Protein backbone atom coordinates (compact mmCIF):
# COMPACT_ATOMS: atom_id res chain seq x y z
CA MET A 1 -85.00 205.86 -4.94
CA ILE A 2 -84.98 203.16 -7.45
CA ALA A 3 -84.40 199.98 -5.52
CA LEU A 4 -81.41 197.73 -6.93
CA PRO A 5 -82.36 194.07 -7.41
CA THR A 6 -80.39 191.63 -5.31
CA ASN A 7 -79.78 187.82 -5.15
CA ARG A 8 -82.73 187.54 -3.50
CA ASP A 9 -84.92 188.36 -5.81
CA GLU A 10 -86.09 185.39 -7.91
CA ASN A 11 -85.23 185.78 -11.05
CA TRP A 12 -81.87 187.51 -10.13
CA ARG A 13 -80.66 184.54 -8.35
CA TYR A 14 -78.17 183.59 -10.58
CA ALA A 15 -76.92 186.85 -12.07
CA ASN A 16 -73.35 188.30 -10.97
CA LEU A 17 -74.67 192.02 -9.24
CA ARG A 18 -71.43 192.81 -7.54
CA PRO A 19 -69.69 194.90 -10.70
CA LEU A 20 -73.29 196.82 -10.54
CA ALA A 21 -73.27 197.79 -7.18
CA LYS A 22 -69.11 198.79 -7.31
CA ALA A 23 -69.83 201.42 -10.46
CA ARG A 24 -70.42 204.60 -10.34
CA PRO A 25 -74.29 205.19 -11.58
CA ASP A 26 -73.95 208.76 -12.66
CA ALA A 27 -73.74 209.27 -16.15
CA ILE A 28 -70.28 209.60 -17.54
CA SER A 29 -69.64 213.10 -17.92
CA ALA A 30 -67.23 213.52 -20.46
CA THR A 31 -67.30 211.00 -23.55
CA GLN A 32 -63.45 210.08 -24.89
CA THR A 33 -62.67 210.37 -28.07
CA VAL A 34 -62.16 207.07 -29.99
CA ALA A 35 -62.59 206.28 -33.66
CA ALA A 36 -65.90 205.70 -34.68
CA ASP A 37 -65.25 203.57 -37.47
CA LEU A 38 -63.71 200.41 -35.53
CA SER A 39 -64.71 198.63 -39.05
CA ALA A 40 -66.67 198.85 -42.14
CA PRO A 41 -70.16 199.45 -42.32
CA MET A 42 -72.24 196.76 -43.31
CA PRO A 43 -73.54 197.11 -46.81
CA SER A 44 -76.81 198.57 -47.11
CA PHE A 45 -76.98 199.42 -43.71
CA GLU A 46 -77.22 203.04 -42.02
CA ARG A 47 -75.24 202.87 -39.12
CA TRP A 48 -74.97 205.29 -36.06
CA VAL A 49 -72.05 204.96 -33.42
CA PHE A 50 -72.61 206.13 -29.50
CA VAL A 51 -69.35 206.19 -27.41
CA ASP A 52 -70.31 206.17 -23.78
CA GLY A 53 -74.11 206.50 -24.44
CA ARG A 54 -73.49 209.67 -26.47
CA LEU A 55 -73.70 210.33 -30.23
CA ALA A 56 -70.39 210.44 -31.95
CA GLY A 57 -70.94 209.15 -35.44
CA LYS A 58 -74.22 209.26 -38.05
CA PRO A 59 -75.13 208.46 -40.94
CA ALA A 60 -76.14 211.09 -44.09
CA PRO A 61 -78.77 213.08 -43.17
CA ASP A 62 -81.56 211.33 -45.15
CA THR A 63 -81.95 208.54 -42.58
CA VAL A 64 -84.59 207.02 -40.69
CA ALA A 65 -83.52 207.49 -37.01
CA HIS A 66 -82.71 210.64 -34.79
CA VAL A 67 -81.29 211.50 -31.51
CA LEU A 68 -83.49 212.87 -28.62
CA ASP A 69 -82.81 214.47 -25.44
CA ALA A 70 -83.79 211.47 -23.30
CA ARG A 71 -86.16 213.65 -20.81
CA VAL A 72 -88.54 214.23 -24.04
CA ALA A 73 -88.27 210.53 -25.24
CA GLY A 74 -88.99 209.41 -21.45
CA GLU A 75 -92.30 211.30 -21.42
CA THR A 76 -92.99 208.31 -24.48
CA PHE A 77 -91.40 205.91 -23.26
CA ALA A 78 -93.54 205.83 -19.90
CA ALA A 79 -96.64 206.21 -21.93
CA GLN A 80 -95.88 203.19 -23.88
CA LEU A 81 -95.33 200.95 -20.99
CA ASP A 82 -97.97 198.38 -20.39
CA ASP A 83 -99.39 197.64 -16.52
CA SER A 84 -97.97 194.09 -16.61
CA ILE A 85 -94.86 195.55 -17.43
CA ALA A 86 -94.78 198.51 -15.43
CA ALA A 87 -95.86 196.28 -12.28
CA ALA A 88 -92.93 194.35 -12.75
CA GLY A 89 -90.96 195.97 -10.08
CA VAL A 90 -87.44 195.38 -9.57
CA ASP A 91 -87.18 193.44 -12.90
CA PHE A 92 -87.59 196.93 -14.50
CA ALA A 93 -85.27 198.58 -12.15
CA LEU A 94 -82.35 199.09 -14.43
CA ALA A 95 -84.78 200.64 -17.28
CA ARG A 96 -85.78 203.20 -15.01
CA ILE A 97 -82.43 203.99 -13.62
CA ASN A 98 -81.37 204.42 -17.52
CA ALA A 99 -84.02 206.62 -18.45
CA ALA A 100 -83.26 208.85 -14.74
CA ARG A 101 -80.02 209.21 -15.81
CA GLY A 102 -79.24 208.80 -19.57
CA ASP A 103 -78.49 212.15 -21.66
CA GLU A 104 -79.63 210.61 -25.30
CA VAL A 105 -81.89 208.46 -27.19
CA LEU A 106 -81.83 207.01 -30.32
CA HIS A 107 -85.30 207.08 -31.83
CA LEU A 108 -86.23 205.33 -34.82
CA ALA A 109 -90.10 205.49 -36.29
CA LEU A 110 -90.22 203.58 -39.37
CA PRO A 111 -93.45 205.02 -41.59
CA ASP A 112 -96.04 202.37 -43.14
CA HIS A 113 -94.81 199.81 -45.36
CA ALA A 114 -91.74 201.50 -45.39
CA THR A 115 -88.14 199.33 -45.21
CA ALA A 116 -84.84 199.94 -43.55
CA ASN A 117 -82.15 198.33 -42.56
CA VAL A 118 -80.27 199.98 -39.46
CA GLU A 119 -76.97 199.13 -37.01
CA VAL A 120 -76.35 200.74 -34.05
CA ARG A 121 -72.95 200.85 -32.33
CA PHE A 122 -72.68 201.73 -28.33
CA VAL A 123 -68.78 201.51 -27.73
CA ALA A 124 -67.75 201.80 -24.28
CA ALA A 125 -64.61 203.54 -23.56
CA ALA A 126 -64.75 205.02 -20.13
CA SER A 127 -63.96 202.85 -16.92
CA ALA A 128 -66.98 202.01 -14.49
CA ALA A 129 -64.82 204.35 -12.21
CA SER A 130 -65.65 207.28 -14.36
CA GLY A 131 -69.68 206.33 -14.58
CA THR A 132 -72.17 204.73 -16.21
CA SER A 133 -72.88 204.48 -19.88
CA TYR A 134 -76.81 204.62 -20.67
CA PRO A 135 -77.46 203.71 -24.12
CA ARG A 136 -81.30 203.76 -25.29
CA LEU A 137 -83.12 202.75 -28.52
CA GLN A 138 -87.00 203.67 -28.78
CA ILE A 139 -88.28 202.22 -31.99
CA HIS A 140 -91.75 202.14 -33.19
CA VAL A 141 -92.45 200.04 -36.65
CA GLY A 142 -95.36 201.18 -38.87
CA ARG A 143 -97.99 198.91 -40.24
CA GLN A 144 -96.50 196.62 -42.54
CA ALA A 145 -93.33 197.93 -42.44
CA ARG A 146 -89.73 196.21 -42.25
CA LEU A 147 -86.87 196.82 -40.34
CA HIS A 148 -83.38 194.71 -40.13
CA LEU A 149 -81.72 196.16 -36.82
CA VAL A 150 -78.35 195.69 -35.68
CA GLU A 151 -77.19 196.07 -32.38
CA ARG A 152 -73.82 195.66 -31.08
CA HIS A 153 -72.02 196.78 -27.82
CA LEU A 154 -67.98 196.92 -27.97
CA SER A 155 -65.07 198.05 -26.05
CA ALA A 156 -62.77 200.48 -27.39
CA ALA A 157 -60.40 200.61 -23.87
CA ALA A 158 -58.77 197.72 -21.88
CA ASP A 159 -60.45 199.40 -18.89
CA GLY A 160 -63.58 197.73 -17.20
CA SER A 161 -66.62 199.66 -18.21
CA ALA A 162 -70.49 199.91 -16.60
CA VAL A 163 -73.04 199.53 -19.27
CA ASN A 164 -76.93 200.05 -18.21
CA ALA A 165 -78.67 199.71 -21.61
CA ALA A 166 -82.46 199.92 -22.80
CA VAL A 167 -84.65 198.80 -25.56
CA ASP A 168 -88.12 200.28 -26.36
CA ILE A 169 -89.47 198.75 -29.09
CA ALA A 170 -93.26 198.37 -30.61
CA LEU A 171 -94.49 196.57 -33.84
CA ALA A 172 -97.98 198.19 -35.67
CA PRO A 173 -100.15 195.26 -36.89
CA GLN A 174 -98.34 193.00 -39.98
CA ALA A 175 -95.02 194.82 -39.20
CA SER A 176 -91.57 192.35 -39.26
CA VAL A 177 -88.34 193.07 -37.44
CA GLU A 178 -85.19 190.97 -37.27
CA HIS A 179 -83.30 192.26 -34.19
CA CYS A 180 -79.81 191.34 -33.67
CA ARG A 181 -77.81 191.89 -30.70
CA VAL A 182 -74.35 191.13 -30.16
CA GLN A 183 -72.53 191.96 -26.92
CA ASN A 184 -68.78 191.76 -27.44
CA LEU A 185 -67.46 193.90 -24.40
CA ASN A 186 -63.74 193.21 -22.32
CA ASP A 187 -63.70 190.82 -20.29
CA ASP A 188 -63.76 193.29 -17.07
CA ALA A 189 -66.77 194.94 -18.30
CA ALA A 190 -70.66 194.65 -16.62
CA CYS A 191 -73.33 194.78 -19.06
CA PHE A 192 -76.79 195.27 -17.77
CA ASP A 193 -79.88 195.53 -20.49
CA THR A 194 -83.68 195.85 -20.28
CA LEU A 195 -85.70 195.42 -23.47
CA VAL A 196 -89.47 195.90 -23.68
CA ALA A 197 -90.98 194.72 -26.99
CA HIS A 198 -95.02 195.21 -27.95
CA VAL A 199 -96.07 193.09 -31.06
CA GLY A 200 -99.06 193.95 -32.71
CA GLU A 201 -101.89 191.96 -34.93
CA ARG A 202 -99.55 189.52 -37.25
CA ALA A 203 -96.67 191.20 -36.48
CA SER A 204 -93.55 189.26 -36.17
CA TYR A 205 -90.54 189.86 -34.17
CA ALA A 206 -87.33 188.07 -34.98
CA LEU A 207 -84.68 188.32 -31.90
CA ARG A 208 -81.23 186.77 -32.11
CA THR A 209 -78.99 187.55 -28.86
CA VAL A 210 -75.55 186.61 -29.05
CA THR A 211 -73.44 187.32 -25.36
CA LEU A 212 -69.55 186.54 -25.42
CA GLY A 213 -68.13 189.78 -23.48
CA ALA A 214 -68.11 191.21 -20.21
CA LEU A 215 -67.01 189.90 -16.56
CA THR A 216 -70.84 190.06 -15.96
CA SER A 217 -74.07 190.13 -18.19
CA ARG A 218 -77.91 190.33 -17.49
CA SER A 219 -80.18 190.79 -20.04
CA THR A 220 -83.96 190.93 -18.91
CA MET A 221 -86.44 191.18 -21.74
CA PHE A 222 -90.63 191.48 -21.70
CA ILE A 223 -92.02 190.55 -25.03
CA LYS A 224 -96.07 190.92 -25.01
CA LEU A 225 -97.56 189.59 -28.28
CA ALA A 226 -100.73 191.53 -27.67
CA GLY A 227 -102.51 191.33 -31.31
CA ARG A 228 -104.42 188.28 -32.62
CA GLY A 229 -101.38 186.30 -34.64
CA ALA A 230 -98.35 188.13 -33.42
CA ARG A 231 -95.46 185.91 -33.40
CA CYS A 232 -91.63 185.61 -31.70
CA GLU A 233 -88.66 184.35 -32.81
CA LEU A 234 -86.13 184.37 -29.94
CA ALA A 235 -82.88 183.09 -30.45
CA ALA A 236 -79.74 183.40 -27.93
CA ALA A 237 -76.19 181.97 -27.94
CA SER A 238 -73.96 182.61 -24.88
CA VAL A 239 -70.08 181.61 -23.97
CA ALA A 240 -68.91 182.07 -20.24
CA ASN A 241 -64.95 181.65 -19.94
CA GLY A 242 -63.20 181.85 -17.24
CA ILE A 243 -65.04 183.46 -14.39
CA GLN A 244 -67.39 184.77 -16.63
CA THR A 245 -71.40 185.37 -15.56
CA HIS A 246 -74.15 185.45 -18.31
CA ASP A 247 -77.60 185.78 -17.30
CA ILE A 248 -80.79 186.06 -19.35
CA PHE A 249 -84.14 186.18 -18.41
CA ALA A 250 -87.03 186.60 -20.98
CA GLU A 251 -90.57 186.62 -20.28
CA ILE A 252 -93.12 186.13 -23.57
CA GLU A 253 -96.48 186.99 -22.79
CA HIS A 254 -99.47 185.61 -24.91
CA ALA A 255 -102.01 187.80 -24.74
CA ALA A 256 -104.34 187.01 -27.66
CA ALA A 257 -105.32 184.53 -30.45
CA GLU A 258 -103.31 182.55 -32.29
CA THR A 259 -99.95 183.77 -30.86
CA THR A 260 -96.90 181.90 -31.54
CA THR A 261 -93.71 181.77 -29.70
CA ARG A 262 -90.75 179.95 -30.86
CA GLU A 263 -87.15 179.98 -27.98
CA LEU A 264 -84.39 178.67 -28.70
CA PHE A 265 -81.18 179.22 -26.19
CA ARG A 266 -77.52 177.53 -26.52
CA GLY A 267 -74.65 178.21 -24.15
CA ILE A 268 -71.24 177.18 -23.26
CA ALA A 269 -69.74 177.31 -20.08
CA THR A 270 -66.16 176.61 -19.62
CA GLU A 271 -63.35 176.64 -16.89
CA ARG A 272 -65.56 178.51 -14.08
CA GLY A 273 -67.86 180.33 -16.22
CA LYS A 274 -71.36 180.73 -14.93
CA LEU A 275 -74.51 180.62 -17.36
CA ALA A 276 -77.98 181.08 -16.80
CA PHE A 277 -81.47 181.25 -18.77
CA ASN A 278 -84.77 181.80 -17.60
CA GLY A 279 -87.05 181.45 -20.22
CA LYS A 280 -90.89 182.51 -19.19
CA ILE A 281 -94.26 182.01 -21.10
CA ILE A 282 -97.23 183.62 -20.22
CA VAL A 283 -100.36 182.32 -21.47
CA ARG A 284 -103.42 184.28 -20.96
CA GLU A 285 -107.17 183.11 -20.54
CA HIS A 286 -107.95 185.00 -23.96
CA ALA A 287 -104.81 183.58 -25.97
CA TYR A 288 -106.71 180.39 -27.62
CA GLU A 289 -104.82 178.41 -30.05
CA SER A 290 -101.45 180.11 -28.97
CA ASP A 291 -98.54 178.05 -29.62
CA SER A 292 -95.04 177.86 -27.92
CA GLU A 293 -91.90 176.07 -28.36
CA GLN A 294 -89.06 176.06 -25.73
CA SER A 295 -85.61 174.77 -26.12
CA LEU A 296 -83.31 175.38 -24.13
CA LYS A 297 -79.72 173.60 -23.64
CA SER A 298 -76.20 173.98 -22.00
CA LEU A 299 -73.06 172.51 -22.58
CA LEU A 300 -70.73 172.29 -19.59
CA THR A 301 -66.68 171.97 -20.54
CA GLY A 302 -64.99 172.87 -17.48
CA SER A 303 -64.71 171.32 -14.01
CA GLY A 304 -65.91 174.24 -12.60
CA ALA A 305 -68.57 175.26 -15.16
CA GLU A 306 -71.86 175.97 -14.16
CA ALA A 307 -75.19 176.26 -15.98
CA ALA A 308 -79.01 176.80 -14.90
CA ALA A 309 -81.90 176.20 -17.88
CA ARG A 310 -85.41 177.30 -16.57
CA PRO A 311 -88.29 176.71 -18.61
CA GLN A 312 -91.57 178.16 -17.33
CA LEU A 313 -95.36 178.06 -17.83
CA GLU A 314 -97.92 179.91 -16.58
CA ILE A 315 -101.24 179.00 -19.35
CA TYR A 316 -104.36 180.11 -17.98
CA THR A 317 -106.41 178.26 -21.11
CA ASP A 318 -107.26 174.70 -22.55
CA ARG A 319 -106.75 175.61 -26.05
CA VAL A 320 -102.99 176.09 -26.22
CA ARG A 321 -99.95 173.87 -27.61
CA ALA A 322 -97.06 174.25 -25.55
CA ALA A 323 -93.87 172.24 -25.74
CA HIS A 324 -90.49 172.95 -23.39
CA GLY A 325 -87.04 171.10 -22.87
CA ALA A 326 -83.84 171.86 -21.19
CA THR A 327 -80.66 170.12 -20.63
CA VAL A 328 -77.48 171.07 -18.93
CA GLY A 329 -74.81 168.32 -19.42
CA LYS A 330 -71.36 167.80 -21.16
CA LEU A 331 -70.35 166.45 -24.14
CA ASP A 332 -71.88 163.32 -25.63
CA GLU A 333 -69.45 160.76 -25.34
CA HIS A 334 -70.84 158.62 -27.87
CA MET A 335 -70.34 161.50 -30.57
CA LEU A 336 -67.21 161.77 -28.90
CA PHE A 337 -65.64 158.48 -29.29
CA TYR A 338 -67.12 158.53 -32.89
CA LEU A 339 -64.93 161.08 -33.92
CA LEU A 340 -61.98 160.07 -32.20
CA SER A 341 -62.54 156.30 -33.87
CA ARG A 342 -62.30 158.12 -37.21
CA GLY A 343 -58.82 159.37 -36.73
CA ILE A 344 -59.71 163.16 -35.51
CA GLU A 345 -57.90 164.06 -32.78
CA ARG A 346 -59.29 165.01 -29.35
CA GLN A 347 -58.84 168.59 -29.19
CA THR A 348 -60.07 169.01 -32.80
CA ALA A 349 -62.83 166.76 -32.05
CA GLN A 350 -64.24 168.52 -28.98
CA ALA A 351 -63.79 171.62 -30.53
CA LEU A 352 -66.06 170.42 -33.55
CA LEU A 353 -68.89 169.28 -31.16
CA GLN A 354 -68.78 172.69 -29.39
CA TRP A 355 -69.26 174.58 -32.56
CA ALA A 356 -71.95 172.30 -33.70
CA PHE A 357 -73.64 172.70 -30.45
CA ILE A 358 -73.52 176.65 -30.08
CA GLU A 359 -73.87 177.19 -34.53
CA ASP A 360 -77.93 175.73 -33.94
CA ALA A 361 -78.80 179.37 -32.48
CA VAL A 362 -75.42 181.05 -34.11
CA SER A 363 -76.73 180.17 -37.46
CA ARG A 364 -79.94 181.96 -36.92
CA VAL A 365 -77.71 185.73 -37.04
CA SER A 366 -78.27 187.61 -40.57
CA PRO A 367 -76.88 189.28 -42.49
CA ALA A 368 -74.28 186.78 -43.26
CA VAL A 369 -71.32 189.49 -43.16
CA LEU A 370 -72.41 189.80 -39.49
CA ARG A 371 -72.70 186.34 -39.05
CA GLU A 372 -69.57 185.48 -39.95
CA ASP A 373 -68.12 188.26 -38.18
CA VAL A 374 -69.60 186.40 -35.18
CA GLU A 375 -68.72 182.93 -35.77
CA ARG A 376 -65.07 184.16 -35.90
CA ALA A 377 -65.84 185.78 -31.85
CA VAL A 378 -67.25 182.65 -30.82
CA VAL A 379 -64.44 180.31 -32.40
CA LYS A 380 -61.99 182.56 -30.43
CA ARG A 381 -63.73 182.60 -27.67
CA LEU A 382 -63.78 178.57 -27.44
CA SER A 383 -60.20 178.93 -28.12
CA ALA A 384 -60.71 176.59 -30.92
CA VAL A 385 -59.46 178.88 -33.72
CA ALA A 386 -56.68 176.02 -34.92
CA SER A 387 -59.11 173.03 -34.61
CA LEU A 388 -61.78 175.10 -36.28
CA ASP A 389 -59.47 176.56 -39.29
CA GLY A 390 -60.64 176.18 -42.87
CA LEU A 391 -64.50 175.83 -41.15
CA LEU A 392 -65.82 179.25 -41.57
CA VAL A 393 -66.45 181.18 -44.66
CA GLN A 394 -63.53 183.59 -45.28
CA PRO A 395 -64.80 187.06 -46.29
């Protein structure tokens, strides 16, 4: 029996776990038929579509990925786990449940020196009363290979779905991965995901996450910079409206020398929305000459809005550079006054300042066609479509 996390666990104190407890834990038995093409595929990307955790649409036979039975992939997944991650206890509980209950895994093995662009769409169609969907990605990127991965979580029905996703990604020496994750489920859904990344020597992992949808969401990330000169860039954006709760826990471990982390979070909570970002950086004793920076900022625009930004540093060697900063506050009154003094209406001025704040993270999403799609979704979430009309690049 795998124990579920609770709000008594330190790393889960800000998460809304009630929808997880109420959802039926069994995997959804019958996948609903939905249109696989929710929009046109992105140019030069091969696209895979999963509905409720099962394959619903795939590209031509000449692809770099394939679907595995979860039981077969589970053996490989368990074998790749680092002892420190396996010892994470309750923080890794949902990933273990995903491995035990999921049916299918998208496995992507990119050969040495290869290049690929892959989009994966996980569509939630069934309600939480019917069961939980268990999307899963297992990725290995070969030496000096380059992967651009887009992972999207969308809804195809008005009912609230329960999603428990897991991603396992390993980068060989000098590999390069740009991984864009966009979660825009409907406002009654519950979305939990666990990401484990192992970054080899001189490899580079750029992770961009945008969290907009779901009544409650929680992302748990364990990223290990295992090889000398490994690099991780994490940029996260989140908008919590109404009574939404978005929680992110990101642990990045510097386990080798000359490793680098750049971590940025920008979140906006409106009305009674709640945001939390817990960024934990660990620098091991052998990780000398490591370099890490954290910038965590949240903006409150509602009287009942809440946010928590928690930078954490554990450093076990002296020869490092580490900088961090965290702020939670309201719109800058001086900047607002400046815009008002130039004849800009208050609603438009507020929308412009919110847009500039969140765009600091959203602007890092690529390719451009995805970024434009995400920007429109952000503007819609901010209820600022009219105020920002003409600001976005039209397709």
